[in-house]
Every structure is written in C-alpha cells, then in structure tokens.
PDB file of N, CA and C in Angstrom:
ATOM      1  N   UNK A   1       0.819  -1.197   0.000  1.00  0.00           N
ATOM      2  CA  UNK A   1       0.000   0.000   0.000  1.00  0.00           C
ATOM      3  C   UNK A   1       0.860   1.258   0.000  1.00  0.00           C
ATOM      4  N   UNK A   2       2.024   1.198   0.603  1.00  0.00           N
ATOM      5  CA  UNK A   2       2.899   2.364   0.668  1.00  0.00           C
ATOM      6  C   UNK A   2       3.470   2.687  -0.707  1.00  0.00           C
ATOM      7  N   UNK A   3       3.642   1.666  -1.563  1.00  0.00           N
ATOM      8  CA  UNK A   3       4.185   1.923  -2.894  1.00  0.00           C
ATOM      9  C   UNK A   3       3.207   2.724  -3.754  1.00  0.00           C
ATOM     10  N   UNK A   4       1.950   2.414  -3.676  1.00  0.00           N
ATOM     11  CA  UNK A   4       0.935   3.121  -4.459  1.00  0.00           C
ATOM     12  C   UNK A   4       0.787   4.573  -4.040  1.00  0.00           C
ATOM     13  N   UNK A   5       1.078   4.857  -2.784  1.00  0.00           N
ATOM     14  CA  UNK A   5       0.940   6.233  -2.304  1.00  0.00           C
ATOM     15  C   UNK A   5       2.023   7.127  -2.888  1.00  0.00           C
ATOM     16  N   UNK A   6       3.152   6.569  -3.301  1.00  0.00           N
ATOM     17  CA  UNK A   6       4.243   7.383  -3.835  1.00  0.00           C
ATOM     18  C   UNK A   6       4.022   7.830  -5.270  1.00  0.00           C
ATOM     19  N   UNK A   7       3.230   7.125  -6.038  1.00  0.00           N
ATOM     20  CA  UNK A   7       3.023   7.469  -7.440  1.00  0.00           C
ATOM     21  C   UNK A   7       2.306   8.802  -7.652  1.00  0.00           C
ATOM     22  N   UNK A   8       1.184   9.062  -7.009  1.00  0.00           N
ATOM     23  CA  UNK A   8       0.538  10.367  -7.217  1.00  0.00           C
ATOM     24  C   UNK A   8       1.408  11.532  -6.761  1.00  0.00           C
ATOM     25  N   UNK A   9       2.210  11.319  -5.733  1.00  0.00           N
ATOM     26  CA  UNK A   9       3.066  12.399  -5.242  1.00  0.00           C
ATOM     27  C   UNK A   9       4.134  12.753  -6.276  1.00  0.00           C
ATOM     28  N   UNK A  10       4.744  11.744  -6.897  1.00  0.00           N
ATOM     29  CA  UNK A  10       5.752  12.027  -7.915  1.00  0.00           C
ATOM     30  C   UNK A  10       5.104  12.636  -9.156  1.00  0.00           C
ATOM     31  N   UNK A  11       3.890  12.224  -9.453  1.00  0.00           N
ATOM     32  CA  UNK A  11       3.182  12.795 -10.596  1.00  0.00           C
ATOM     33  C   UNK A  11       2.840  14.259 -10.342  1.00  0.00           C
ATOM     34  N   UNK A  12       2.451  14.588  -9.121  1.00  0.00           N
ATOM     35  CA  UNK A  12       2.145  15.985  -8.803  1.00  0.00           C
ATOM     36  C   UNK A  12       3.422  16.828  -8.827  1.00  0.00           C
ATOM     37  N   UNK A  13       4.551  16.250  -8.489  1.00  0.00           N
ATOM     38  CA  UNK A  13       5.824  16.971  -8.588  1.00  0.00           C
ATOM     39  C   UNK A  13       6.143  17.279 -10.044  1.00  0.00           C
ATOM     40  N   UNK A  14       5.917  16.297 -10.917  1.00  0.00           N
ATOM     41  CA  UNK A  14       6.174  16.526 -12.343  1.00  0.00           C
ATOM     42  C   UNK A  14       5.238  17.594 -12.896  1.00  0.00           C
ATOM     43  N   UNK A  15       3.974  17.565 -12.480  1.00  0.00           N
ATOM     44  CA  UNK A  15       3.023  18.591 -12.909  1.00  0.00           C
ATOM     45  C   UNK A  15       3.448  19.965 -12.406  1.00  0.00           C
ATOM     46  N   UNK A  16       3.945  20.021 -11.178  1.00  0.00           N
ATOM     47  CA  UNK A  16       4.414  21.288 -10.615  1.00  0.00           C
ATOM     48  C   UNK A  16       5.627  21.821 -11.356  1.00  0.00           C
ATOM     49  N   UNK A  17       6.536  20.928 -11.724  1.00  0.00           N
ATOM     50  CA  UNK A  17       7.723  21.345 -12.477  1.00  0.00           C
ATOM     51  C   UNK A  17       7.312  21.838 -13.858  1.00  0.00           C
ATOM     52  N   UNK A  18       6.381  21.128 -14.496  1.00  0.00           N
ATOM     53  CA  UNK A  18       5.904  21.534 -15.815  1.00  0.00           C
ATOM     54  C   UNK A  18       5.201  22.888 -15.757  1.00  0.00           C
ATOM     55  N   UNK A  19       4.387  23.094 -14.738  1.00  0.00           N
ATOM     56  CA  UNK A  19       3.696  24.382 -14.592  1.00  0.00           C
ATOM     57  C   UNK A  19       4.684  25.515 -14.387  1.00  0.00           C
ATOM     58  N   UNK A  20       5.706  25.291 -13.560  1.00  0.00           N
ATOM     59  CA  UNK A  20       6.723  26.332 -13.334  1.00  0.00           C
ATOM     60  C   UNK A  20       7.500  26.629 -14.605  1.00  0.00           C
ATOM     61  N   UNK A  21       7.795  25.599 -15.368  1.00  0.00           N
ATOM     62  CA  UNK A  21       8.531  25.802 -16.613  1.00  0.00           C
ATOM     63  C   UNK A  21       7.686  26.583 -17.623  1.00  0.00           C
ATOM     64  N   UNK A  22       6.412  26.225 -17.750  1.00  0.00           N
ATOM     65  CA  UNK A  22       5.527  26.947 -18.668  1.00  0.00           C
ATOM     66  C   UNK A  22       5.330  28.392 -18.220  1.00  0.00           C
ATOM     67  N   UNK A  23       5.225  28.597 -16.927  1.00  0.00           N
ATOM     68  CA  UNK A  23       5.082  29.957 -16.392  1.00  0.00           C
ATOM     69  C   UNK A  23       6.321  30.781 -16.693  1.00  0.00           C
ATOM     70  N   UNK A  24       7.493  30.167 -16.565  1.00  0.00           N
ATOM     71  CA  UNK A  24       8.742  30.873 -16.865  1.00  0.00           C
ATOM     72  C   UNK A  24       8.815  31.230 -18.341  1.00  0.00           C
ATOM     73  N   UNK A  25       8.356  30.338 -19.206  1.00  0.00           N
ATOM     74  CA  UNK A  25       8.362  30.622 -20.646  1.00  0.00           C
ATOM     75  C   UNK A  25       7.400  31.772 -20.956  1.00  0.00           C
ATOM     76  N   UNK A  26       6.209  31.749 -20.381  1.00  0.00           N
ATOM     77  CA  UNK A  26       5.232  32.816 -20.611  1.00  0.00           C
ATOM     78  C   UNK A  26       5.772  34.145 -20.104  1.00  0.00           C
ATOM     79  N   UNK A  27       6.359  34.150 -18.918  1.00  0.00           N
ATOM     80  CA  UNK A  27       6.935  35.382 -18.382  1.00  0.00           C
ATOM     81  C   UNK A  27       8.073  35.890 -19.265  1.00  0.00           C
ATOM     82  N   UNK A  28       8.895  34.993 -19.754  1.00  0.00           N
ATOM     83  CA  UNK A  28      10.009  35.401 -20.612  1.00  0.00           C
ATOM     84  C   UNK A  28       9.539  36.004 -21.919  1.00  0.00           C
ATOM     85  N   UNK A  29       8.554  35.376 -22.549  1.00  0.00           N
ATOM     86  CA  UNK A  29       8.048  35.881 -23.832  1.00  0.00           C
ATOM     87  C   UNK A  29       7.363  37.231 -23.635  1.00  0.00           C
ATOM     88  N   UNK A  30       6.535  37.353 -22.617  1.00  0.00           N
ATOM     89  CA  UNK A  30       5.870  38.632 -22.387  1.00  0.00           C
ATOM     90  C   UNK A  30       6.870  39.712 -22.005  1.00  0.00           C
ATOM     91  N   UNK A  31       7.923  39.340 -21.282  1.00  0.00           N
ATOM     92  CA  UNK A  31       8.955  40.315 -20.936  1.00  0.00           C
ATOM     93  C   UNK A  31       9.661  40.829 -22.187  1.00  0.00           C
ATOM     94  N   UNK A  32       9.918  39.955 -23.144  1.00  0.00           N
ATOM     95  CA  UNK A  32      10.536  40.390 -24.401  1.00  0.00           C
ATOM     96  C   UNK A  32       9.636  41.373 -25.151  1.00  0.00           C
ATOM     97  N   UNK A  33       8.344  41.117 -25.174  1.00  0.00           N
ATOM     98  CA  UNK A  33       7.425  42.040 -25.820  1.00  0.00           C
ATOM     99  C   UNK A  33       7.381  43.389 -25.098  1.00  0.00           C
ATOM    100  N   UNK A  34       7.390  43.361 -23.773  1.00  0.00           N
ATOM    101  CA  UNK A  34       7.350  44.599 -22.998  1.00  0.00           C
ATOM    102  C   UNK A  34       8.619  45.414 -23.231  1.00  0.00           C
ATOM    103  N   UNK A  35       9.767  44.765 -23.204  1.00  0.00           N
ATOM    104  CA  UNK A  35      11.029  45.474 -23.415  1.00  0.00           C
ATOM    105  C   UNK A  35      11.104  46.027 -24.836  1.00  0.00           C
ATOM    106  N   UNK A  36      10.648  45.259 -25.812  1.00  0.00           N
ATOM    107  CA  UNK A  36      10.682  45.760 -27.191  1.00  0.00           C
ATOM    108  C   UNK A  36       9.729  46.937 -27.366  1.00  0.00           C
ATOM    109  N   UNK A  37       8.568  46.919 -26.737  1.00  0.00           N
ATOM    110  CA  UNK A  37       7.640  48.049 -26.816  1.00  0.00           C
ATOM    111  C   UNK A  37       8.243  49.294 -26.178  1.00  0.00           C
ATOM    112  N   UNK A  38       8.937  49.128 -25.048  1.00  0.00           N
ATOM    113  CA  UNK A  38       9.595  50.264 -24.415  1.00  0.00           C
ATOM    114  C   UNK A  38      10.711  50.822 -25.296  1.00  0.00           C
ATOM    115  N   UNK A  39      11.485  49.949 -25.899  1.00  0.00           N
ATOM    116  CA  UNK A  39      12.585  50.405 -26.754  1.00  0.00           C
ATOM    117  C   UNK A  39      12.058  51.155 -27.976  1.00  0.00           C
ATOM    118  N   UNK A  40      11.022  50.620 -28.600  1.00  0.00           N
ATOM    119  CA  UNK A  40      10.453  51.274 -29.786  1.00  0.00           C
ATOM    120  C   UNK A  40       9.826  52.606 -29.406  1.00  0.00           C
ATOM    121  N   UNK A  41       9.119  52.658 -28.298  1.00  0.00           N
ATOM    122  CA  UNK A  41       8.478  53.914 -27.904  1.00  0.00           C
ATOM    123  C   UNK A  41       9.511  54.983 -27.557  1.00  0.00           C
ATOM    124  N   UNK A  42      10.576  54.595 -26.882  1.00  0.00           N
ATOM    125  CA  UNK A  42      11.639  55.570 -26.583  1.00  0.00           C
ATOM    126  C   UNK A  42      12.309  56.049 -27.867  1.00  0.00           C
ATOM    127  N   UNK A  43      12.534  55.146 -28.794  1.00  0.00           N
ATOM    128  CA  UNK A  43      13.140  55.530 -30.072  1.00  0.00           C
ATOM    129  C   UNK A  43      12.227  56.480 -30.849  1.00  0.00           C
ATOM    130  N   UNK A  44      10.918  56.238 -30.805  1.00  0.00           N
ATOM    131  CA  UNK A  44       9.983  57.139 -31.488  1.00  0.00           C
ATOM    132  C   UNK A  44       9.976  58.527 -30.863  1.00  0.00           C
ATOM    133  N   UNK A  45      10.041  58.592 -29.557  1.00  0.00           N
ATOM    134  CA  UNK A  45      10.067  59.896 -28.890  1.00  0.00           C
ATOM    135  C   UNK A  45      11.331  60.655 -29.282  1.00  0.00           C
ATOM    136  N   UNK A  46      12.458  59.993 -29.265  1.00  0.00           N
ATOM    137  CA  UNK A  46      13.719  60.645 -29.640  1.00  0.00           C
ATOM    138  C   UNK A  46      13.692  61.064 -31.105  1.00  0.00           C
ATOM    139  N   UNK A  47      13.201  60.201 -31.974  1.00  0.00           N
ATOM    140  CA  UNK A  47      13.165  60.502 -33.401  1.00  0.00           C
ATOM    141  C   UNK A  47      12.258  61.694 -33.701  1.00  0.00           C
ATOM    142  N   UNK A  48      11.071  61.711 -33.112  1.00  0.00           N
ATOM    143  CA  UNK A  48      10.156  62.826 -33.379  1.00  0.00           C
ATOM    144  C   UNK A  48      10.676  64.122 -32.765  1.00  0.00           C
ATOM    145  N   UNK A  49      11.367  64.040 -31.647  1.00  0.00           N
ATOM    146  CA  UNK A  49      11.973  65.247 -31.065  1.00  0.00           C
ATOM    147  C   UNK A  49      13.110  65.743 -31.952  1.00  0.00           C
ATOM    148  N   UNK A  50      13.878  64.838 -32.487  1.00  0.00           N
ATOM    149  CA  UNK A  50      14.988  65.208 -33.366  1.00  0.00           C
ATOM    150  C   UNK A  50      14.480  65.911 -34.628  1.00  0.00           C
ATOM    151  N   UNK A  51      13.363  65.385 -35.166  1.00  0.00           N
ATOM    152  CA  UNK A  51      12.801  65.935 -36.401  1.00  0.00           C
ATOM    153  C   UNK A  51      11.866  67.125 -36.145  1.00  0.00           C
ATOM    154  N   UNK A  52      11.587  67.450 -34.897  1.00  0.00           N
ATOM    155  CA  UNK A  52      10.659  68.517 -34.510  1.00  0.00           C
ATOM    156  C   UNK A  52       9.289  68.284 -35.153  1.00  0.00           C
ATOM    157  N   UNK A  53       8.842  67.042 -35.079  1.00  0.00           N
ATOM    158  CA  UNK A  53       7.575  66.640 -35.687  1.00  0.00           C
ATOM    159  C   UNK A  53       6.513  66.569 -34.592  1.00  0.00           C
ATOM    160  N   UNK A  54       5.831  67.688 -34.358  1.00  0.00           N
ATOM    161  CA  UNK A  54       4.895  67.783 -33.239  1.00  0.00           C
ATOM    162  C   UNK A  54       3.702  66.839 -33.352  1.00  0.00           C
ATOM    163  N   UNK A  55       3.000  66.754 -34.484  1.00  0.00           N
ATOM    164  CA  UNK A  55       1.827  65.850 -34.542  1.00  0.00           C
ATOM    165  C   UNK A  55       2.192  64.384 -34.290  1.00  0.00           C
ATOM    166  N   UNK A  56       3.284  63.926 -34.872  1.00  0.00           N
ATOM    167  CA  UNK A  56       3.699  62.548 -34.623  1.00  0.00           C
ATOM    168  C   UNK A  56       4.340  62.403 -33.244  1.00  0.00           C
ATOM    169  N   UNK A  57       4.853  63.483 -32.714  1.00  0.00           N
ATOM    170  CA  UNK A  57       5.434  63.463 -31.375  1.00  0.00           C
ATOM    171  C   UNK A  57       4.391  63.175 -30.307  1.00  0.00           C
ATOM    172  N   UNK A  58       3.185  63.687 -30.521  1.00  0.00           N
ATOM    173  CA  UNK A  58       2.110  63.394 -29.559  1.00  0.00           C
ATOM    174  C   UNK A  58       1.787  61.901 -29.546  1.00  0.00           C
ATOM    175  N   UNK A  59       1.742  61.302 -30.733  1.00  0.00           N
ATOM    176  CA  UNK A  59       1.516  59.859 -30.803  1.00  0.00           C
ATOM    177  C   UNK A  59       2.658  59.111 -30.121  1.00  0.00           C
ATOM    178  N   UNK A  60       3.892  59.555 -30.347  1.00  0.00           N
ATOM    179  CA  UNK A  60       5.050  58.889 -29.751  1.00  0.00           C
ATOM    180  C   UNK A  60       5.010  58.987 -28.229  1.00  0.00           C
ATOM    181  N   UNK A  61       4.626  60.149 -27.712  1.00  0.00           N
ATOM    182  CA  UNK A  61       4.519  60.301 -26.254  1.00  0.00           C
ATOM    183  C   UNK A  61       3.412  59.426 -25.681  1.00  0.00           C
ATOM    184  N   UNK A  62       2.289  59.367 -26.374  1.00  0.00           N
ATOM    185  CA  UNK A  62       1.189  58.507 -25.917  1.00  0.00           C
ATOM    186  C   UNK A  62       1.626  57.045 -25.916  1.00  0.00           C
ATOM    187  N   UNK A  63       2.306  56.641 -26.974  1.00  0.00           N
ATOM    188  CA  UNK A  63       2.804  55.272 -27.070  1.00  0.00           C
ATOM    189  C   UNK A  63       3.824  54.980 -25.961  1.00  0.00           C
ATOM    190  N   UNK A  64       4.673  55.948 -25.640  1.00  0.00           N
ATOM    191  CA  UNK A  64       5.667  55.764 -24.581  1.00  0.00           C
ATOM    192  C   UNK A  64       4.997  55.637 -23.210  1.00  0.00           C
ATOM    193  N   UNK A  65       3.998  56.458 -22.969  1.00  0.00           N
ATOM    194  CA  UNK A  65       3.279  56.391 -21.683  1.00  0.00           C
ATOM    195  C   UNK A  65       2.565  55.054 -21.542  1.00  0.00           C
ATOM    196  N   UNK A  66       1.899  54.609 -22.600  1.00  0.00           N
ATOM    197  CA  UNK A  66       1.202  53.325 -22.539  1.00  0.00           C
ATOM    198  C   UNK A  66       2.190  52.159 -22.393  1.00  0.00           C
ATOM    199  N   UNK A  67       3.332  52.245 -23.048  1.00  0.00           N
ATOM    200  CA  UNK A  67       4.335  51.191 -22.913  1.00  0.00           C
ATOM    201  C   UNK A  67       4.885  51.142 -21.490  1.00  0.00           C
ATOM    202  N   UNK A  68       5.103  52.298 -20.908  1.00  0.00           N
ATOM    203  CA  UNK A  68       5.590  52.328 -19.521  1.00  0.00           C
ATOM    204  C   UNK A  68       4.541  51.758 -18.566  1.00  0.00           C
ATOM    205  N   UNK A  69       3.281  52.074 -18.819  1.00  0.00           N
ATOM    206  CA  UNK A  69       2.211  51.528 -17.982  1.00  0.00           C
ATOM    207  C   UNK A  69       2.129  50.009 -18.128  1.00  0.00           C
ATOM    208  N   UNK A  70       2.294  49.511 -19.334  1.00  0.00           N
ATOM    209  CA  UNK A  70       2.287  48.064 -19.555  1.00  0.00           C
ATOM    210  C   UNK A  70       3.461  47.414 -18.826  1.00  0.00           C
ATOM    211  N   UNK A  71       4.623  48.065 -18.857  1.00  0.00           N
ATOM    212  CA  UNK A  71       5.790  47.512 -18.164  1.00  0.00           C
ATOM    213  C   UNK A  71       5.555  47.448 -16.659  1.00  0.00           C
ATOM    214  N   UNK A  72       4.992  48.499 -16.097  1.00  0.00           N
ATOM    215  CA  UNK A  72       4.698  48.485 -14.661  1.00  0.00           C
ATOM    216  C   UNK A  72       3.664  47.421 -14.322  1.00  0.00           C
ATOM    217  N   UNK A  73       2.647  47.275 -15.163  1.00  0.00           N
ATOM    218  CA  UNK A  73       1.642  46.233 -14.928  1.00  0.00           C
ATOM    219  C   UNK A  73       2.237  44.841 -15.061  1.00  0.00           C
ATOM    220  N   UNK A  74       3.227  44.674 -15.941  1.00  0.00           N
ATOM    221  CA  UNK A  74       3.885  43.376 -16.076  1.00  0.00           C
ATOM    222  C   UNK A  74       4.588  43.009 -14.772  1.00  0.00           C
ATOM    223  N   UNK A  75       5.296  43.980 -14.174  1.00  0.00           N
ATOM    224  CA  UNK A  75       5.985  43.692 -12.914  1.00  0.00           C
ATOM    225  C   UNK A  75       4.990  43.393 -11.796  1.00  0.00           C
ATOM    226  N   UNK A  76       3.858  44.106 -11.774  1.00  0.00           N
ATOM    227  CA  UNK A  76       2.842  43.812 -10.768  1.00  0.00           C
ATOM    228  C   UNK A  76       2.228  42.430 -10.990  1.00  0.00           C
ATOM    229  N   UNK A  77       2.008  42.057 -12.253  1.00  0.00           N
ATOM    230  CA  UNK A  77       1.442  40.742 -12.581  1.00  0.00           C
ATOM    231  C   UNK A  77       2.432  39.646 -12.182  1.00  0.00           C
ATOM    232  N   UNK A  78       3.715  39.873 -12.458  1.00  0.00           N
ATOM    233  CA  UNK A  78       4.735  38.880 -12.111  1.00  0.00           C
ATOM    234  C   UNK A  78       4.786  38.670 -10.594  1.00  0.00           C
ATOM    235  N   UNK A  79       4.754  39.760  -9.841  1.00  0.00           N
ATOM    236  CA  UNK A  79       4.797  39.644  -8.374  1.00  0.00           C
ATOM    237  C   UNK A  79       3.503  39.065  -7.820  1.00  0.00           C
ATOM    238  N   UNK A  80       2.380  39.327  -8.463  1.00  0.00           N
ATOM    239  CA  UNK A  80       1.091  38.824  -7.996  1.00  0.00           C
ATOM    240  C   UNK A  80       1.013  37.298  -8.133  1.00  0.00           C
ATOM    241  N   UNK A  81       1.618  36.757  -9.186  1.00  0.00           N
ATOM    242  CA  UNK A  81       1.584  35.306  -9.420  1.00  0.00           C
ATOM    243  C   UNK A  81       2.427  34.564  -8.402  1.00  0.00           C
ATOM    244  N   UNK A  82       3.454  35.187  -7.873  1.00  0.00           N
ATOM    245  CA  UNK A  82       4.338  34.504  -6.907  1.00  0.00           C
ATOM    246  C   UNK A  82       3.698  34.549  -5.564  1.00  0.00           C
TER     247      UNK A  82
END
C-alpha cells in the first residue's frame, strides 16, 4: 500500500515542475514584448523630437506612456503570481 501512495506524489511533482517551466516561458516571452515596446516607444520619442515633428510626437509620447504603464503592470502581474 505504501508503494501506491508514492506514485501520485511524484506525478504531482512533475506537474508542478511543468507548470513552473511553462510559467517561466510565458513570463520570458511577455517580458521580451514589454522590453521591445519600451525600446520602440523611446526611439519614437527621440526621433520625433529630433525631427521637430509635433503631430507625430504626440503619438510617440502617448505610445511611450502606454508602454511604460504596460511595463509596470507586467511587474505587478509577475509579483502577484508569486
């Protein structure tokens, strides 16, 4: 009877390892998207400032603010899951 009790426990360990691995992959992929959005938005702000392009500069600033908000929400989501 003691042998049968060990099987579900090892299976739950494997499920836990798989869940942690999938969570790490999801966090990594979303982190790459967040970092790329921040990099692009910062580049747009610098580019529009360099060109003195006011109408497109407003879009670049809006995009930068939204990207920063997404980055902050990503860190809150990451900490909330732990």
